[in-house]
Amino acid sequence: DEAEIRQFAKEALSGASVMEAEDGKEAMNAIYDHKPDLVITDIRMPKMDGYTLLGHLRELYPDLPVLAISGMVSEAEAQAEDQKFNGFIEKGAIDLQEFRTLVEKTAGKKL
C-alpha cells in the first residue's frame, strides 16, 4: 500500500509487469480483472487488510502465490493465521537482490 514500497517493487522487478494498488480493496478489484502470477501484499492496509485479501485470493485462486510484507507484524504472527502466506518480507530488512530472488523463487520463474 505504501508508495515507497510499491516503487521498490517496481524497480526490483523491472523485467516484469507490475500492477499497483493503494489498499486491499483496490488490489482485489485489479486481480478480478487480471489474474497475476504472484501477489505481494502488506498486512496492515486501509479498506481491506492483507489477511482478508489472502482469504479472498485463496477462494478465487487457491494456487496463486502470495507474499506478505510488513514492518508492524512479525513473520510468526503473519503465519499464525489459518490461511498461510507463501513467504514473508520484513520492511526495511531486505535488499533489492534478496527481494527479487524471493519473488522469482515464489513465482517459480525468472523475471
PDB file of N, CA and C in Angstrom:
ATOM      1  N   ASP A   1       0.795  -1.201   0.000  1.00  0.00           N
ATOM      2  CA  ASP A   1       0.000   0.000   0.000  1.00  0.00           C
ATOM      3  C   ASP A   1       0.841   1.270   0.000  1.00  0.00           C
ATOM      4  N   GLU A   2       2.017   1.248   0.565  1.00  0.00           N
ATOM      5  CA  GLU A   2       2.847   2.450   0.646  1.00  0.00           C
ATOM      6  C   GLU A   2       3.560   2.717  -0.682  1.00  0.00           C
ATOM      7  N   ALA A   3       3.547   3.977  -1.102  1.00  0.00           N
ATOM      8  CA  ALA A   3       4.137   4.366  -2.386  1.00  0.00           C
ATOM      9  C   ALA A   3       5.611   3.964  -2.474  1.00  0.00           C
ATOM     10  N   GLU A   4       6.362   4.114  -1.382  1.00  0.00           N
ATOM     11  CA  GLU A   4       7.798   3.774  -1.398  1.00  0.00           C
ATOM     12  C   GLU A   4       8.015   2.281  -1.626  1.00  0.00           C
ATOM     13  N   ILE A   5       7.189   1.472  -1.022  1.00  0.00           N
ATOM     14  CA  ILE A   5       7.315   0.016  -1.179  1.00  0.00           C
ATOM     15  C   ILE A   5       6.911  -0.387  -2.600  1.00  0.00           C
ATOM     16  N   ARG A   6       5.871   0.231  -3.122  1.00  0.00           N
ATOM     17  CA  ARG A   6       5.454  -0.071  -4.497  1.00  0.00           C
ATOM     18  C   ARG A   6       6.556   0.320  -5.478  1.00  0.00           C
ATOM     19  N   GLN A   7       7.210   1.446  -5.241  1.00  0.00           N
ATOM     20  CA  GLN A   7       8.308   1.877  -6.113  1.00  0.00           C
ATOM     21  C   GLN A   7       9.488   0.907  -6.011  1.00  0.00           C
ATOM     22  N   PHE A   8       9.802   0.473  -4.802  1.00  0.00           N
ATOM     23  CA  PHE A   8      10.873  -0.506  -4.587  1.00  0.00           C
ATOM     24  C   PHE A   8      10.592  -1.780  -5.383  1.00  0.00           C
ATOM     25  N   ALA A   9       9.340  -2.266  -5.307  1.00  0.00           N
ATOM     26  CA  ALA A   9       8.962  -3.491  -6.018  1.00  0.00           C
ATOM     27  C   ALA A   9       9.083  -3.298  -7.526  1.00  0.00           C
ATOM     28  N   LYS A  10       8.638  -2.169  -8.030  1.00  0.00           N
ATOM     29  CA  LYS A  10       8.734  -1.908  -9.464  1.00  0.00           C
ATOM     30  C   LYS A  10      10.180  -1.892  -9.932  1.00  0.00           C
ATOM     31  N   GLU A  11      11.076  -1.292  -9.154  1.00  0.00           N
ATOM     32  CA  GLU A  11      12.499  -1.252  -9.510  1.00  0.00           C
ATOM     33  C   GLU A  11      13.112  -2.647  -9.448  1.00  0.00           C
ATOM     34  N   ALA A  12      12.790  -3.380  -8.398  1.00  0.00           N
ATOM     35  CA  ALA A  12      13.356  -4.717  -8.227  1.00  0.00           C
ATOM     36  C   ALA A  12      12.868  -5.676  -9.306  1.00  0.00           C
ATOM     37  N   LEU A  13      11.637  -5.455  -9.766  1.00  0.00           N
ATOM     38  CA  LEU A  13      11.014  -6.365 -10.722  1.00  0.00           C
ATOM     39  C   LEU A  13      10.826  -5.690 -12.076  1.00  0.00           C
ATOM     40  N   SER A  14      11.819  -4.930 -12.469  1.00  0.00           N
ATOM     41  CA  SER A  14      11.715  -4.134 -13.702  1.00  0.00           C
ATOM     42  C   SER A  14      11.484  -4.983 -14.950  1.00  0.00           C
ATOM     43  N   GLY A  15      11.823  -6.261 -14.915  1.00  0.00           N
ATOM     44  CA  GLY A  15      11.610  -7.138 -16.059  1.00  0.00           C
ATOM     45  C   GLY A  15      10.212  -7.746 -16.095  1.00  0.00           C
ATOM     46  N   ALA A  16       9.396  -7.415 -15.119  1.00  0.00           N
ATOM     47  CA  ALA A  16       8.045  -7.981 -15.030  1.00  0.00           C
ATOM     48  C   ALA A  16       7.006  -6.875 -15.159  1.00  0.00           C
ATOM     49  N   SER A  17       5.810  -7.266 -15.479  1.00  0.00           N
ATOM     50  CA  SER A  17       4.682  -6.342 -15.486  1.00  0.00           C
ATOM     51  C   SER A  17       4.166  -6.255 -14.051  1.00  0.00           C
ATOM     52  N   VAL A  18       4.208  -5.074 -13.459  1.00  0.00           N
ATOM     53  CA  VAL A  18       3.830  -4.899 -12.059  1.00  0.00           C
ATOM     54  C   VAL A  18       2.575  -4.030 -11.974  1.00  0.00           C
ATOM     55  N   MET A  19       1.541  -4.552 -11.344  1.00  0.00           N
ATOM     56  CA  MET A  19       0.330  -3.779 -11.068  1.00  0.00           C
ATOM     57  C   MET A  19       0.431  -3.272  -9.634  1.00  0.00           C
ATOM     58  N   GLU A  20      -0.055  -2.060  -9.406  1.00  0.00           N
ATOM     59  CA  GLU A  20      -0.008  -1.469  -8.071  1.00  0.00           C
ATOM     60  C   GLU A  20      -1.405  -1.234  -7.529  1.00  0.00           C
ATOM     61  N   ALA A  21      -1.511  -1.251  -6.203  1.00  0.00           N
ATOM     62  CA  ALA A  21      -2.764  -0.924  -5.535  1.00  0.00           C
ATOM     63  C   ALA A  21      -2.439  -0.203  -4.230  1.00  0.00           C
ATOM     64  N   GLU A  22      -3.271   0.771  -3.880  1.00  0.00           N
ATOM     65  CA  GLU A  22      -3.054   1.540  -2.660  1.00  0.00           C
ATOM     66  C   GLU A  22      -3.634   0.871  -1.424  1.00  0.00           C
ATOM     67  N   ASP A  23      -4.527  -0.084  -1.620  1.00  0.00           N
ATOM     68  CA  ASP A  23      -5.123  -0.785  -0.490  1.00  0.00           C
ATOM     69  C   ASP A  23      -5.629  -2.153  -0.955  1.00  0.00           C
ATOM     70  N   GLY A  24      -6.078  -2.952  -0.014  1.00  0.00           N
ATOM     71  CA  GLY A  24      -6.517  -4.298  -0.335  1.00  0.00           C
ATOM     72  C   GLY A  24      -7.735  -4.358  -1.243  1.00  0.00           C
ATOM     73  N   LYS A  25      -8.648  -3.432  -1.072  1.00  0.00           N
ATOM     74  CA  LYS A  25      -9.851  -3.410  -1.911  1.00  0.00           C
ATOM     75  C   LYS A  25      -9.489  -3.108  -3.367  1.00  0.00           C
ATOM     76  N   GLU A  26      -8.601  -2.132  -3.575  1.00  0.00           N
ATOM     77  CA  GLU A  26      -8.147  -1.807  -4.927  1.00  0.00           C
ATOM     78  C   GLU A  26      -7.392  -2.994  -5.537  1.00  0.00           C
ATOM     79  N   ALA A  27      -6.599  -3.666  -4.730  1.00  0.00           N
ATOM     80  CA  ALA A  27      -5.864  -4.850  -5.209  1.00  0.00           C
ATOM     81  C   ALA A  27      -6.832  -5.938  -5.653  1.00  0.00           C
ATOM     82  N   MET A  28      -7.863  -6.186  -4.848  1.00  0.00           N
ATOM     83  CA  MET A  28      -8.819  -7.232  -5.187  1.00  0.00           C
ATOM     84  C   MET A  28      -9.529  -6.904  -6.489  1.00  0.00           C
ATOM     85  N   ASN A  29      -9.911  -5.661  -6.692  1.00  0.00           N
ATOM     86  CA  ASN A  29     -10.559  -5.252  -7.943  1.00  0.00           C
ATOM     87  C   ASN A  29      -9.637  -5.479  -9.133  1.00  0.00           C
ATOM     88  N   ALA A  30      -8.369  -5.141  -8.990  1.00  0.00           N
ATOM     89  CA  ALA A  30      -7.397  -5.328 -10.083  1.00  0.00           C
ATOM     90  C   ALA A  30      -7.210  -6.816 -10.382  1.00  0.00           C
ATOM     91  N   ILE A  31      -7.196  -7.635  -9.346  1.00  0.00           N
ATOM     92  CA  ILE A  31      -6.984  -9.072  -9.510  1.00  0.00           C
ATOM     93  C   ILE A  31      -8.192  -9.736 -10.170  1.00  0.00           C
ATOM     94  N   TYR A  32      -9.391  -9.240  -9.888  1.00  0.00           N
ATOM     95  CA  TYR A  32     -10.582  -9.758 -10.585  1.00  0.00           C
ATOM     96  C   TYR A  32     -10.467  -9.529 -12.086  1.00  0.00           C
ATOM     97  N   ASP A  33      -9.898  -8.365 -12.461  1.00  0.00           N
ATOM     98  CA  ASP A  33      -9.768  -8.011 -13.881  1.00  0.00           C
ATOM     99  C   ASP A  33      -8.647  -8.766 -14.580  1.00  0.00           C
ATOM    100  N   HIS A  34      -7.582  -9.082 -13.839  1.00  0.00           N
ATOM    101  CA  HIS A  34      -6.416  -9.718 -14.450  1.00  0.00           C
ATOM    102  C   HIS A  34      -5.686 -10.548 -13.394  1.00  0.00           C
ATOM    103  N   LYS A  35      -5.719 -11.875 -13.539  1.00  0.00           N
ATOM    104  CA  LYS A  35      -5.043 -12.742 -12.564  1.00  0.00           C
ATOM    105  C   LYS A  35      -3.530 -12.589 -12.697  1.00  0.00           C
ATOM    106  N   PRO A  36      -2.851 -12.214 -11.612  1.00  0.00           N
ATOM    107  CA  PRO A  36      -1.385 -12.096 -11.645  1.00  0.00           C
ATOM    108  C   PRO A  36      -0.712 -13.451 -11.417  1.00  0.00           C
ATOM    109  N   ASP A  37       0.590 -13.484 -11.627  1.00  0.00           N
ATOM    110  CA  ASP A  37       1.376 -14.686 -11.350  1.00  0.00           C
ATOM    111  C   ASP A  37       1.723 -14.782  -9.873  1.00  0.00           C
ATOM    112  N   LEU A  38       1.685 -13.630  -9.184  1.00  0.00           N
ATOM    113  CA  LEU A  38       2.092 -13.543  -7.781  1.00  0.00           C
ATOM    114  C   LEU A  38       1.511 -12.270  -7.197  1.00  0.00           C
ATOM    115  N   VAL A  39       1.180 -12.286  -5.919  1.00  0.00           N
ATOM    116  CA  VAL A  39       0.716 -11.090  -5.212  1.00  0.00           C
ATOM    117  C   VAL A  39       1.652 -10.839  -4.041  1.00  0.00           C
ATOM    118  N   ILE A  40       2.038  -9.582  -3.884  1.00  0.00           N
ATOM    119  CA  ILE A  40       2.799  -9.156  -2.707  1.00  0.00           C
ATOM    120  C   ILE A  40       1.898  -8.161  -1.987  1.00  0.00           C
ATOM    121  N   THR A  41       1.536  -8.465  -0.754  1.00  0.00           N
ATOM    122  CA  THR A  41       0.620  -7.604  -0.022  1.00  0.00           C
ATOM    123  C   THR A  41       1.164  -7.206   1.336  1.00  0.00           C
ATOM    124  N   ASP A  42       0.914  -5.956   1.678  1.00  0.00           N
ATOM    125  CA  ASP A  42       1.171  -5.503   3.038  1.00  0.00           C
ATOM    126  C   ASP A  42       0.115  -6.153   3.911  1.00  0.00           C
ATOM    127  N   ILE A  43       0.380  -6.293   5.174  1.00  0.00           N
ATOM    128  CA  ILE A  43      -0.604  -6.885   6.069  1.00  0.00           C
ATOM    129  C   ILE A  43      -1.536  -5.809   6.625  1.00  0.00           C
ATOM    130  N   ARG A  44      -0.970  -4.698   7.035  1.00  0.00           N
ATOM    131  CA  ARG A  44      -1.785  -3.608   7.568  1.00  0.00           C
ATOM    132  C   ARG A  44      -2.050  -2.594   6.459  1.00  0.00           C
ATOM    133  N   MET A  45      -3.310  -2.576   5.979  1.00  0.00           N
ATOM    134  CA  MET A  45      -3.712  -1.659   4.910  1.00  0.00           C
ATOM    135  C   MET A  45      -5.105  -1.135   5.211  1.00  0.00           C
ATOM    136  N   PRO A  46      -5.435   0.035   4.664  1.00  0.00           N
ATOM    137  CA  PRO A  46      -6.802   0.534   4.812  1.00  0.00           C
ATOM    138  C   PRO A  46      -7.768  -0.259   3.925  1.00  0.00           C
ATOM    139  N   LYS A  47      -9.028  -0.186   4.248  1.00  0.00           N
ATOM    140  CA  LYS A  47     -10.148  -0.761   3.493  1.00  0.00           C
ATOM    141  C   LYS A  47     -10.190  -2.286   3.503  1.00  0.00           C
ATOM    142  N   MET A  48      -9.062  -2.963   3.375  1.00  0.00           N
ATOM    143  CA  MET A  48      -9.004  -4.425   3.456  1.00  0.00           C
ATOM    144  C   MET A  48      -7.572  -4.802   3.819  1.00  0.00           C
ATOM    145  N   ASP A  49      -7.387  -5.498   4.938  1.00  0.00           N
ATOM    146  CA  ASP A  49      -6.024  -5.858   5.331  1.00  0.00           C
ATOM    147  C   ASP A  49      -5.518  -7.065   4.531  1.00  0.00           C
ATOM    148  N   GLY A  50      -4.252  -7.359   4.702  1.00  0.00           N
ATOM    149  CA  GLY A  50      -3.620  -8.438   3.942  1.00  0.00           C
ATOM    150  C   GLY A  50      -4.177  -9.820   4.258  1.00  0.00           C
ATOM    151  N   TYR A  51      -4.617 -10.039   5.505  1.00  0.00           N
ATOM    152  CA  TYR A  51      -5.205 -11.333   5.863  1.00  0.00           C
ATOM    153  C   TYR A  51      -6.520 -11.548   5.104  1.00  0.00           C
ATOM    154  N   THR A  52      -7.340 -10.512   5.053  1.00  0.00           N
ATOM    155  CA  THR A  52      -8.622 -10.603   4.352  1.00  0.00           C
ATOM    156  C   THR A  52      -8.390 -10.788   2.859  1.00  0.00           C
ATOM    157  N   LEU A  53      -7.440 -10.026   2.321  1.00  0.00           N
ATOM    158  CA  LEU A  53      -7.095 -10.168   0.907  1.00  0.00           C
ATOM    159  C   LEU A  53      -6.641 -11.592   0.621  1.00  0.00           C
ATOM    160  N   LEU A  54      -5.781 -12.131   1.468  1.00  0.00           N
ATOM    161  CA  LEU A  54      -5.305 -13.504   1.295  1.00  0.00           C
ATOM    162  C   LEU A  54      -6.467 -14.492   1.286  1.00  0.00           C
ATOM    163  N   GLY A  55      -7.426 -14.329   2.193  1.00  0.00           N
ATOM    164  CA  GLY A  55      -8.577 -15.217   2.240  1.00  0.00           C
ATOM    165  C   GLY A  55      -9.373 -15.188   0.941  1.00  0.00           C
ATOM    166  N   HIS A  56      -9.603 -13.986   0.411  1.00  0.00           N
ATOM    167  CA  HIS A  56     -10.321 -13.857  -0.866  1.00  0.00           C
ATOM    168  C   HIS A  56      -9.525 -14.496  -2.011  1.00  0.00           C
ATOM    169  N   LEU A  57      -8.213 -14.274  -2.004  1.00  0.00           N
ATOM    170  CA  LEU A  57      -7.381 -14.837  -3.067  1.00  0.00           C
ATOM    171  C   LEU A  57      -7.356 -16.356  -3.011  1.00  0.00           C
ATOM    172  N   ARG A  58      -7.327 -16.929  -1.824  1.00  0.00           N
ATOM    173  CA  ARG A  58      -7.322 -18.387  -1.680  1.00  0.00           C
ATOM    174  C   ARG A  58      -8.638 -18.985  -2.200  1.00  0.00           C
ATOM    175  N   GLU A  59      -9.751 -18.261  -2.013  1.00  0.00           N
ATOM    176  CA  GLU A  59     -11.040 -18.724  -2.541  1.00  0.00           C
ATOM    177  C   GLU A  59     -11.076 -18.628  -4.065  1.00  0.00           C
ATOM    178  N   LEU A  60     -10.581 -17.521  -4.591  1.00  0.00           N
ATOM    179  CA  LEU A  60     -10.641 -17.254  -6.023  1.00  0.00           C
ATOM    180  C   LEU A  60      -9.600 -18.052  -6.804  1.00  0.00           C
ATOM    181  N   TYR A  61      -8.367 -18.028  -6.332  1.00  0.00           N
ATOM    182  CA  TYR A  61      -7.231 -18.695  -6.991  1.00  0.00           C
ATOM    183  C   TYR A  61      -6.417 -19.455  -5.931  1.00  0.00           C
ATOM    184  N   PRO A  62      -6.812 -20.662  -5.559  1.00  0.00           N
ATOM    185  CA  PRO A  62      -6.146 -21.386  -4.468  1.00  0.00           C
ATOM    186  C   PRO A  62      -4.635 -21.567  -4.628  1.00  0.00           C
ATOM    187  N   ASP A  63      -4.156 -21.643  -5.865  1.00  0.00           N
ATOM    188  CA  ASP A  63      -2.726 -21.886  -6.079  1.00  0.00           C
ATOM    189  C   ASP A  63      -1.912 -20.623  -6.336  1.00  0.00           C
ATOM    190  N   LEU A  64      -2.541 -19.455  -6.265  1.00  0.00           N
ATOM    191  CA  LEU A  64      -1.830 -18.198  -6.508  1.00  0.00           C
ATOM    192  C   LEU A  64      -0.863 -17.912  -5.360  1.00  0.00           C
ATOM    193  N   PRO A  65       0.446 -17.760  -5.646  1.00  0.00           N
ATOM    194  CA  PRO A  65       1.396 -17.454  -4.578  1.00  0.00           C
ATOM    195  C   PRO A  65       1.181 -16.037  -4.056  1.00  0.00           C
ATOM    196  N   VAL A  66       1.199 -15.899  -2.714  1.00  0.00           N
ATOM    197  CA  VAL A  66       1.003 -14.607  -2.070  1.00  0.00           C
ATOM    198  C   VAL A  66       2.096 -14.410  -1.022  1.00  0.00           C
ATOM    199  N   LEU A  67       2.865 -13.340  -1.196  1.00  0.00           N
ATOM    200  CA  LEU A  67       3.893 -12.956  -0.229  1.00  0.00           C
ATOM    201  C   LEU A  67       3.351 -11.835   0.646  1.00  0.00           C
ATOM    202  N   ALA A  68       3.651 -11.888   1.929  1.00  0.00           N
ATOM    203  CA  ALA A  68       3.275 -10.822   2.857  1.00  0.00           C
ATOM    204  C   ALA A  68       4.485  -9.930   3.086  1.00  0.00           C
ATOM    205  N   ILE A  69       4.220  -8.647   3.279  1.00  0.00           N
ATOM    206  CA  ILE A  69       5.274  -7.700   3.632  1.00  0.00           C
ATOM    207  C   ILE A  69       4.755  -6.856   4.786  1.00  0.00           C
ATOM    208  N   SER A  70       5.590  -6.647   5.783  1.00  0.00           N
ATOM    209  CA  SER A  70       5.145  -5.849   6.920  1.00  0.00           C
ATOM    210  C   SER A  70       6.323  -5.313   7.719  1.00  0.00           C
ATOM    211  N   GLY A  71       6.098  -4.174   8.306  1.00  0.00           N
ATOM    212  CA  GLY A  71       7.051  -3.606   9.257  1.00  0.00           C
ATOM    213  C   GLY A  71       6.454  -3.600  10.652  1.00  0.00           C
ATOM    214  N   MET A  72       5.188  -4.020  10.759  1.00  0.00           N
ATOM    215  CA  MET A  72       4.475  -3.990  12.043  1.00  0.00           C
ATOM    216  C   MET A  72       4.152  -5.369  12.585  1.00  0.00           C
ATOM    217  N   VAL A  73       4.172  -6.365  11.717  1.00  0.00           N
ATOM    218  CA  VAL A  73       3.811  -7.727  12.098  1.00  0.00           C
ATOM    219  C   VAL A  73       5.007  -8.623  11.828  1.00  0.00           C
ATOM    220  N   SER A  74       5.300  -9.521  12.742  1.00  0.00           N
ATOM    221  CA  SER A  74       6.415 -10.448  12.547  1.00  0.00           C
ATOM    222  C   SER A  74       5.988 -11.589  11.628  1.00  0.00           C
ATOM    223  N   GLU A  75       6.965 -12.312  11.124  1.00  0.00           N
ATOM    224  CA  GLU A  75       6.670 -13.466  10.275  1.00  0.00           C
ATOM    225  C   GLU A  75       5.844 -14.495  11.040  1.00  0.00           C
ATOM    226  N   ALA A  76       6.194 -14.737  12.297  1.00  0.00           N
ATOM    227  CA  ALA A  76       5.450 -15.715  13.105  1.00  0.00           C
ATOM    228  C   ALA A  76       3.991 -15.298  13.260  1.00  0.00           C
ATOM    229  N   GLU A  77       3.753 -14.012  13.496  1.00  0.00           N
ATOM    230  CA  GLU A  77       2.374 -13.521  13.612  1.00  0.00           C
ATOM    231  C   GLU A  77       1.631 -13.662  12.284  1.00  0.00           C
ATOM    232  N   ALA A  78       2.300 -13.319  11.196  1.00  0.00           N
ATOM    233  CA  ALA A  78       1.680 -13.388   9.875  1.00  0.00           C
ATOM    234  C   ALA A  78       1.302 -14.821   9.526  1.00  0.00           C
ATOM    235  N   GLN A  79       2.120 -15.769   9.912  1.00  0.00           N
ATOM    236  CA  GLN A  79       1.880 -17.164   9.551  1.00  0.00           C
ATOM    237  C   GLN A  79       1.019 -17.893  10.581  1.00  0.00           C
ATOM    238  N   ALA A  80       0.586 -17.199  11.644  1.00  0.00           N
ATOM    239  CA  ALA A  80      -0.245 -17.821  12.673  1.00  0.00           C
ATOM    240  C   ALA A  80      -1.712 -17.895  12.253  1.00  0.00           C
ATOM    241  N   GLU A  81      -2.076 -17.219  11.196  1.00  0.00           N
ATOM    242  CA  GLU A  81      -3.453 -17.232  10.705  1.00  0.00           C
ATOM    243  C   GLU A  81      -3.775 -18.586  10.074  1.00  0.00           C
ATOM    244  N   ASP A  82      -5.063 -18.852   9.874  1.00  0.00           N
ATOM    245  CA  ASP A  82      -5.500 -20.105   9.246  1.00  0.00           C
ATOM    246  C   ASP A  82      -4.952 -20.238   7.830  1.00  0.00           C
ATOM    247  N   GLN A  83      -5.058 -19.169   7.053  1.00  0.00           N
ATOM    248  CA  GLN A  83      -4.535 -19.156   5.685  1.00  0.00           C
ATOM    249  C   GLN A  83      -3.068 -18.742   5.756  1.00  0.00           C
ATOM    250  N   LYS A  84      -2.217 -19.453   5.085  1.00  0.00           N
ATOM    251  CA  LYS A  84      -0.780 -19.176   5.140  1.00  0.00           C
ATOM    252  C   LYS A  84      -0.307 -18.429   3.904  1.00  0.00           C
ATOM    253  N   PHE A  85       0.554 -17.440   4.119  1.00  0.00           N
ATOM    254  CA  PHE A  85       1.242 -16.764   3.029  1.00  0.00           C
ATOM    255  C   PHE A  85       2.335 -17.697   2.513  1.00  0.00           C
ATOM    256  N   ASN A  86       2.769 -17.497   1.282  1.00  0.00           N
ATOM    257  CA  ASN A  86       3.833 -18.321   0.698  1.00  0.00           C
ATOM    258  C   ASN A  86       5.217 -17.840   1.098  1.00  0.00           C
ATOM    259  N   GLY A  87       5.290 -16.700   1.745  1.00  0.00           N
ATOM    260  CA  GLY A  87       6.553 -16.152   2.201  1.00  0.00           C
ATOM    261  C   GLY A  87       6.313 -14.824   2.891  1.00  0.00           C
ATOM    262  N   PHE A  88       7.360 -14.315   3.528  1.00  0.00           N
ATOM    263  CA  PHE A  88       7.247 -13.084   4.312  1.00  0.00           C
ATOM    264  C   PHE A  88       8.460 -12.202   4.059  1.00  0.00           C
ATOM    265  N   ILE A  89       8.214 -10.910   3.924  1.00  0.00           N
ATOM    266  CA  ILE A  89       9.271  -9.918   3.733  1.00  0.00           C
ATOM    267  C   ILE A  89       9.132  -8.882   4.829  1.00  0.00           C
ATOM    268  N   GLU A  90      10.196  -8.665   5.574  1.00  0.00           N
ATOM    269  CA  GLU A  90      10.180  -7.626   6.604  1.00  0.00           C
ATOM    270  C   GLU A  90      10.589  -6.307   5.971  1.00  0.00           C
ATOM    271  N   LYS A  91       9.746  -5.296   6.123  1.00  0.00           N
ATOM    272  CA  LYS A  91      10.045  -3.989   5.538  1.00  0.00           C
ATOM    273  C   LYS A  91      11.367  -3.465   6.087  1.00  0.00           C
ATOM    274  N   GLY A  92      12.189  -2.970   5.205  1.00  0.00           N
ATOM    275  CA  GLY A  92      13.458  -2.369   5.597  1.00  0.00           C
ATOM    276  C   GLY A  92      14.568  -3.356   5.876  1.00  0.00           C
ATOM    277  N   ALA A  93      14.263  -4.650   5.863  1.00  0.00           N
ATOM    278  CA  ALA A  93      15.275  -5.642   6.211  1.00  0.00           C
ATOM    279  C   ALA A  93      15.734  -6.469   5.012  1.00  0.00           C
ATOM    280  N   ILE A  94      15.274  -6.145   3.831  1.00  0.00           N
ATOM    281  CA  ILE A  94      15.633  -6.940   2.662  1.00  0.00           C
ATOM    282  C   ILE A  94      16.155  -6.016   1.572  1.00  0.00           C
ATOM    283  N   ASP A  95      17.200  -6.457   0.902  1.00  0.00           N
ATOM    284  CA  ASP A  95      17.736  -5.624  -0.170  1.00  0.00           C
ATOM    285  C   ASP A  95      17.111  -6.001  -1.510  1.00  0.00           C
ATOM    286  N   LEU A  96      17.415  -5.233  -2.507  1.00  0.00           N
ATOM    287  CA  LEU A  96      16.827  -5.390  -3.834  1.00  0.00           C
ATOM    288  C   LEU A  96      17.025  -6.795  -4.394  1.00  0.00           C
ATOM    289  N   GLN A  97      18.241  -7.317  -4.327  1.00  0.00           N
ATOM    290  CA  GLN A  97      18.524  -8.638  -4.898  1.00  0.00           C
ATOM    291  C   GLN A  97      17.832  -9.754  -4.116  1.00  0.00           C
ATOM    292  N   GLU A  98      17.831  -9.660  -2.780  1.00  0.00           N
ATOM    293  CA  GLU A  98      17.134 -10.669  -1.964  1.00  0.00           C
ATOM    294  C   GLU A  98      15.639 -10.673  -2.281  1.00  0.00           C
ATOM    295  N   PHE A  99      15.076  -9.487  -2.438  1.00  0.00           N
ATOM    296  CA  PHE A  99      13.666  -9.354  -2.777  1.00  0.00           C
ATOM    297  C   PHE A  99      13.372 -10.021  -4.117  1.00  0.00           C
ATOM    298  N   ARG A 100      14.172  -9.702  -5.100  1.00  0.00           N
ATOM    299  CA  ARG A 100      13.987 -10.265  -6.445  1.00  0.00           C
ATOM    300  C   ARG A 100      14.105 -11.795  -6.419  1.00  0.00           C
ATOM    301  N   THR A 101      15.095 -12.311  -5.712  1.00  0.00           N
ATOM    302  CA  THR A 101      15.305 -13.757  -5.612  1.00  0.00           C
ATOM    303  C   THR A 101      14.110 -14.438  -4.955  1.00  0.00           C
ATOM    304  N   LEU A 102      13.589 -13.859  -3.875  1.00  0.00           N
ATOM    305  CA  LEU A 102      12.430 -14.427  -3.190  1.00  0.00           C
ATOM    306  C   LEU A 102      11.207 -14.435  -4.108  1.00  0.00           C
ATOM    307  N   VAL A 103      10.994 -13.348  -4.833  1.00  0.00           N
ATOM    308  CA  VAL A 103       9.852 -13.268  -5.744  1.00  0.00           C
ATOM    309  C   VAL A 103       9.982 -14.302  -6.859  1.00  0.00           C
ATOM    310  N   GLU A 104      11.169 -14.411  -7.453  1.00  0.00           N
ATOM    311  CA  GLU A 104      11.368 -15.392  -8.525  1.00  0.00           C
ATOM    312  C   GLU A 104      11.167 -16.817  -8.023  1.00  0.00           C
ATOM    313  N   LYS A 105      11.683 -17.115  -6.832  1.00  0.00           N
ATOM    314  CA  LYS A 105      11.539 -18.453  -6.253  1.00  0.00           C
ATOM    315  C   LYS A 105      10.068 -18.748  -5.986  1.00  0.00           C
ATOM    316  N   THR A 106       9.351 -17.789  -5.442  1.00  0.00           N
ATOM    317  CA  THR A 106       7.944 -17.987  -5.090  1.00  0.00           C
ATOM    318  C   THR A 106       7.080 -18.094  -6.353  1.00  0.00           C
ATOM    319  N   ALA A 107       7.356 -17.262  -7.349  1.00  0.00           N
ATOM    320  CA  ALA A 107       6.588 -17.291  -8.598  1.00  0.00           C
ATOM    321  C   ALA A 107       6.959 -18.487  -9.452  1.00  0.00           C
ATOM    322  N   GLY A 108       8.139 -19.054  -9.202  1.00  0.00           N
ATOM    323  CA  GLY A 108       8.575 -20.219  -9.970  1.00  0.00           C
ATOM    324  C   GLY A 108       9.076 -19.882 -11.355  1.00  0.00           C
ATOM    325  N   LYS A 109       9.519 -18.625 -11.523  1.00  0.00           N
ATOM    326  CA  LYS A 109      10.089 -18.251 -12.819  1.00  0.00           C
ATOM    327  C   LYS A 109      11.020 -17.069 -12.689  1.00  0.00           C
ATOM    328  N   LYS A 110      11.933 -16.986 -13.628  1.00  0.00           N
ATOM    329  CA  LYS A 110      12.912 -15.904 -13.689  1.00  0.00           C
ATOM    330  C   LYS A 110      12.243 -14.661 -14.243  1.00  0.00           C
ATOM    331  N   LEU A 111      12.562 -13.527 -13.652  1.00  0.00           N
ATOM    332  CA  LEU A 111      11.992 -12.260 -14.119  1.00  0.00           C
ATOM    333  C   LEU A 111      12.994 -11.458 -14.911  1.00  0.00           C
TER     334      LEU A 111
END
